[in-house]
Amino acid sequence: MANVFSQKIFKGTAIAKSINLKNNNKELRFLWGYLMNKEEILDWTEKYDKDHPWWVQEEKRLGDKFRETKTLTKDDLYQIVEWKFKELEGRKKRVLGLVAKNSDKVIQLTCNQAFNLTLQDEPYRIDSLDKLHGVGPALASTILTFYDPKNYGIFDIHVWREFFGKEPADLFLTTKHYLQLLAELRRIANQYGFNVRTAEKAYFKKNLDESS
């Protein structure tokens, strides 16, 4: 563990050298995310785009549509679920069944309201989307990220683990964990002048590849 961590430190910034390290795996894991430099983030983002072209194409297509219409239709929400849970057939089937309980009118009104709120109304913005059947913090984050990649990233277990280590049992049950992760992603994005989505993609891809 010590040798691996030393290699991570060597790649990091001068700030990393002044950190008072503790022998605590969760803290080390948290610090690793902070030590990813600008070039590494760009490299991992490029790998994501190269390895997952369908995800990239669909995200752009749907995001362009949402920014133009300022809302989602029921069919759009189905496509978001297909995108988010593409490789998780069981979960995708269950969520699609729940989403089907929403009327098209309710989905359009709810998403339009959420898109018209500001970042200052963030908790309410996410909670309003959560009120739709089948939509929790993870799916709400996907909707907001497609619509506004500058300020949002997708709530995913791989990204969480890269920052905070093992996930709590209620990770996807409340908004607070997403807001915690989002704050760290925004800090990094602001530091390097990236969209939040760019930073989030890098951490997702890094953990996905290194854990497989």
Protein backbone atom coordinates (compact mmCIF):
# COMPACT_ATOMS: atom_id res chain seq x y z
CA MET A 1 0.00 0.00 0.00
CA ALA A 2 2.76 2.46 0.91
CA ASN A 3 4.64 1.98 -2.36
CA VAL A 4 1.49 2.44 -4.46
CA PHE A 5 0.55 5.56 -2.57
CA SER A 6 4.06 6.99 -2.96
CA GLN A 7 3.72 6.60 -6.73
CA LYS A 8 0.40 8.44 -6.63
CA ILE A 9 1.95 11.24 -4.58
CA PHE A 10 4.83 11.56 -7.03
CA LYS A 11 2.37 12.26 -9.84
CA GLY A 12 0.49 14.86 -7.84
CA THR A 13 0.90 18.54 -7.18
CA ALA A 14 3.15 20.30 -4.69
CA ILE A 15 0.18 20.54 -2.32
CA ALA A 16 0.24 16.78 -1.95
CA LYS A 17 3.70 16.92 -0.36
CA SER A 18 2.44 18.97 2.55
CA ILE A 19 -0.41 16.60 3.46
CA ASN A 20 -0.08 14.97 6.88
CA LEU A 21 -0.78 11.35 5.89
CA LYS A 22 -2.52 8.91 8.21
CA ASN A 23 -2.59 5.14 8.02
CA ASN A 24 -6.24 5.00 7.08
CA ASN A 25 -7.34 3.36 3.85
CA LYS A 26 -10.46 5.49 3.42
CA GLU A 27 -8.48 8.68 3.84
CA LEU A 28 -5.82 7.52 1.38
CA ARG A 29 -8.50 6.64 -1.17
CA PHE A 30 -10.07 10.07 -0.74
CA LEU A 31 -6.74 11.79 -1.26
CA TRP A 32 -5.99 9.82 -4.42
CA GLY A 33 -8.88 11.46 -6.20
CA TYR A 34 -7.53 14.87 -5.29
CA LEU A 35 -4.12 14.05 -6.75
CA MET A 36 -5.33 13.45 -10.29
CA ASN A 37 -3.78 16.24 -12.33
CA LYS A 38 -5.11 18.04 -15.40
CA GLU A 39 -3.32 15.83 -17.91
CA GLU A 40 -4.55 12.65 -16.25
CA ILE A 41 -8.13 13.90 -16.27
CA LEU A 42 -7.89 14.69 -19.98
CA ASP A 43 -6.33 11.27 -20.70
CA TRP A 44 -9.06 9.37 -18.85
CA THR A 45 -11.80 11.47 -20.47
CA GLU A 46 -10.34 10.68 -23.88
CA LYS A 47 -10.34 6.97 -23.02
CA TYR A 48 -13.98 7.20 -21.99
CA ASP A 49 -14.96 8.84 -25.28
CA LYS A 50 -12.98 6.28 -27.31
CA ASP A 51 -14.24 3.20 -25.47
CA HIS A 52 -17.90 4.22 -25.13
CA PRO A 53 -18.95 5.90 -28.42
CA TRP A 54 -22.65 5.03 -28.06
CA TRP A 55 -22.82 6.64 -24.63
CA VAL A 56 -21.11 9.75 -25.99
CA GLN A 57 -23.35 10.03 -29.06
CA GLU A 58 -26.59 9.52 -27.15
CA GLU A 59 -25.59 11.95 -24.44
CA LYS A 60 -24.92 14.67 -26.99
CA ARG A 61 -28.09 13.96 -28.98
CA LEU A 62 -30.37 13.97 -25.96
CA GLY A 63 -28.56 16.87 -24.27
CA ASP A 64 -28.93 19.04 -27.37
CA LYS A 65 -32.64 18.21 -27.46
CA PHE A 66 -33.21 19.00 -23.77
CA ARG A 67 -31.44 22.35 -24.02
CA GLU A 68 -33.61 23.24 -27.00
CA THR A 69 -36.97 22.11 -25.60
CA LYS A 70 -36.24 22.87 -21.90
CA THR A 71 -38.00 19.65 -20.90
CA LEU A 72 -38.23 15.87 -21.36
CA THR A 73 -41.00 13.75 -22.83
CA LYS A 74 -41.89 10.31 -21.50
CA ASP A 75 -40.00 8.76 -24.41
CA ASP A 76 -36.95 10.90 -23.56
CA LEU A 77 -37.03 9.58 -20.00
CA TYR A 78 -37.21 6.01 -21.30
CA GLN A 79 -34.09 6.74 -23.35
CA ILE A 80 -32.30 8.18 -20.32
CA VAL A 81 -33.03 4.95 -18.44
CA GLU A 82 -31.76 2.89 -21.40
CA TRP A 83 -28.56 4.94 -21.39
CA LYS A 84 -27.96 4.85 -17.63
CA PHE A 85 -28.65 1.15 -17.16
CA LYS A 86 -27.59 -0.16 -20.56
CA GLU A 87 -25.47 -2.94 -19.07
CA LEU A 88 -27.73 -3.65 -16.07
CA GLU A 89 -30.70 -5.44 -17.64
CA GLY A 90 -32.49 -6.31 -14.41
CA ARG A 91 -32.35 -2.82 -13.01
CA LYS A 92 -33.22 -1.28 -16.36
CA LYS A 93 -36.37 -3.42 -16.65
CA ARG A 94 -37.46 -2.52 -13.12
CA VAL A 95 -36.88 1.22 -13.57
CA LEU A 96 -38.62 1.29 -16.95
CA GLY A 97 -41.65 -0.29 -15.30
CA LEU A 98 -41.72 2.44 -12.66
CA VAL A 99 -41.19 5.23 -15.19
CA ALA A 100 -44.18 3.94 -17.15
CA LYS A 101 -46.42 5.01 -14.23
CA ASN A 102 -45.72 8.69 -14.99
CA SER A 103 -47.88 10.55 -17.46
CA ASP A 104 -46.16 12.40 -20.27
CA LYS A 105 -47.66 15.67 -19.03
CA VAL A 106 -46.29 15.25 -15.50
CA ILE A 107 -42.82 14.40 -16.81
CA GLN A 108 -42.75 17.46 -19.06
CA LEU A 109 -43.98 19.83 -16.35
CA THR A 110 -41.61 18.43 -13.71
CA CYS A 111 -38.52 18.57 -15.93
CA ASN A 112 -39.35 22.03 -17.23
CA GLN A 113 -39.68 23.27 -13.66
CA ALA A 114 -36.37 21.67 -12.66
CA PHE A 115 -34.53 23.11 -15.67
CA ASN A 116 -35.81 26.60 -14.89
CA LEU A 117 -34.55 26.55 -11.31
CA THR A 118 -31.09 27.95 -10.52
CA LEU A 119 -28.06 26.38 -8.85
CA GLN A 120 -29.10 28.18 -5.67
CA ASP A 121 -32.20 25.96 -5.65
CA GLU A 122 -30.10 22.83 -6.10
CA PRO A 123 -31.59 20.49 -3.45
CA TYR A 124 -35.12 21.34 -4.58
CA ARG A 125 -34.11 20.93 -8.22
CA ILE A 126 -32.95 17.37 -7.61
CA ASP A 127 -35.77 16.52 -5.20
CA SER A 128 -38.38 17.70 -7.71
CA LEU A 129 -37.06 15.21 -10.28
CA ASP A 130 -36.97 12.51 -7.61
CA LYS A 131 -40.73 12.81 -7.27
CA LEU A 132 -41.19 11.15 -10.65
CA HIS A 133 -41.80 7.41 -10.44
CA GLY A 134 -38.56 5.52 -11.09
CA VAL A 135 -36.32 8.58 -10.70
CA GLY A 136 -33.86 8.74 -7.80
CA PRO A 137 -30.69 10.81 -7.28
CA ALA A 138 -28.69 8.78 -9.83
CA LEU A 139 -31.23 9.21 -12.64
CA ALA A 140 -31.91 12.83 -11.65
CA SER A 141 -28.17 13.51 -11.91
CA THR A 142 -28.14 11.99 -15.40
CA ILE A 143 -31.00 14.23 -16.54
CA LEU A 144 -29.31 17.34 -15.15
CA THR A 145 -25.91 16.36 -16.56
CA PHE A 146 -27.28 15.87 -20.06
CA TYR A 147 -28.99 19.25 -19.80
CA ASP A 148 -26.13 21.14 -18.11
CA PRO A 149 -22.75 19.33 -18.32
CA LYS A 150 -20.94 22.47 -17.25
CA ASN A 151 -22.36 22.25 -13.73
CA TYR A 152 -23.34 18.60 -13.26
CA GLY A 153 -21.84 15.13 -13.31
CA ILE A 154 -23.50 11.73 -13.15
CA PHE A 155 -23.93 10.10 -9.76
CA ASP A 156 -22.29 6.70 -10.10
CA ILE A 157 -20.77 4.22 -7.68
CA HIS A 158 -17.46 4.20 -9.59
CA VAL A 159 -17.01 7.94 -9.13
CA TRP A 160 -17.98 7.77 -5.47
CA ARG A 161 -15.43 5.02 -4.78
CA GLU A 162 -12.68 7.03 -6.43
CA PHE A 163 -13.23 9.86 -3.95
CA PHE A 164 -14.60 8.31 -0.80
CA GLY A 165 -13.92 4.59 -0.90
CA LYS A 166 -16.61 2.07 0.05
CA GLU A 167 -20.11 3.38 -0.42
CA PRO A 168 -22.68 3.67 2.39
CA ALA A 169 -25.77 1.48 2.27
CA ASP A 170 -28.01 4.48 1.53
CA LEU A 171 -25.80 5.93 -1.21
CA PHE A 172 -28.54 6.26 -3.82
CA LEU A 173 -31.44 6.75 -1.44
CA THR A 174 -30.90 10.40 -0.49
CA THR A 175 -29.81 13.58 -2.22
CA LYS A 176 -27.10 14.43 0.33
CA HIS A 177 -24.52 11.96 -1.02
CA TYR A 178 -24.86 13.30 -4.55
CA LEU A 179 -24.45 16.87 -3.34
CA GLN A 180 -21.34 15.81 -1.42
CA LEU A 181 -19.81 14.25 -4.53
CA LEU A 182 -20.94 17.12 -6.75
CA ALA A 183 -19.15 19.64 -4.52
CA GLU A 184 -15.85 17.81 -4.99
CA LEU A 185 -16.31 17.46 -8.74
CA ARG A 186 -17.07 21.17 -9.06
CA ARG A 187 -14.00 22.05 -7.04
CA ILE A 188 -11.80 20.06 -9.42
CA ALA A 189 -13.59 21.35 -12.52
CA ASN A 190 -13.15 24.95 -11.37
CA GLN A 191 -9.49 24.37 -10.56
CA TYR A 192 -8.68 23.18 -14.08
CA GLY A 193 -11.32 25.04 -16.10
CA PHE A 194 -13.29 21.93 -17.09
CA ASN A 195 -16.96 21.16 -17.30
CA VAL A 196 -18.03 19.15 -14.26
CA ARG A 197 -19.03 16.32 -16.61
CA THR A 198 -15.49 16.20 -18.03
CA ALA A 199 -13.98 15.70 -14.59
CA GLU A 200 -16.64 13.17 -13.60
CA LYS A 201 -16.14 11.09 -16.76
CA ALA A 202 -12.42 10.84 -16.00
CA TYR A 203 -12.95 9.56 -12.47
CA PHE A 204 -15.66 7.15 -13.64
CA LYS A 205 -13.46 5.68 -16.36
CA LYS A 206 -10.41 5.45 -14.12
CA ASN A 207 -12.25 3.47 -11.45
CA LEU A 208 -14.15 1.35 -13.98
CA ASP A 209 -10.97 0.24 -15.74
CA GLU A 210 -8.81 -0.19 -12.67
CA SER A 211 -11.43 -2.22 -10.80
CA SER A 212 -12.24 -4.58 -13.67
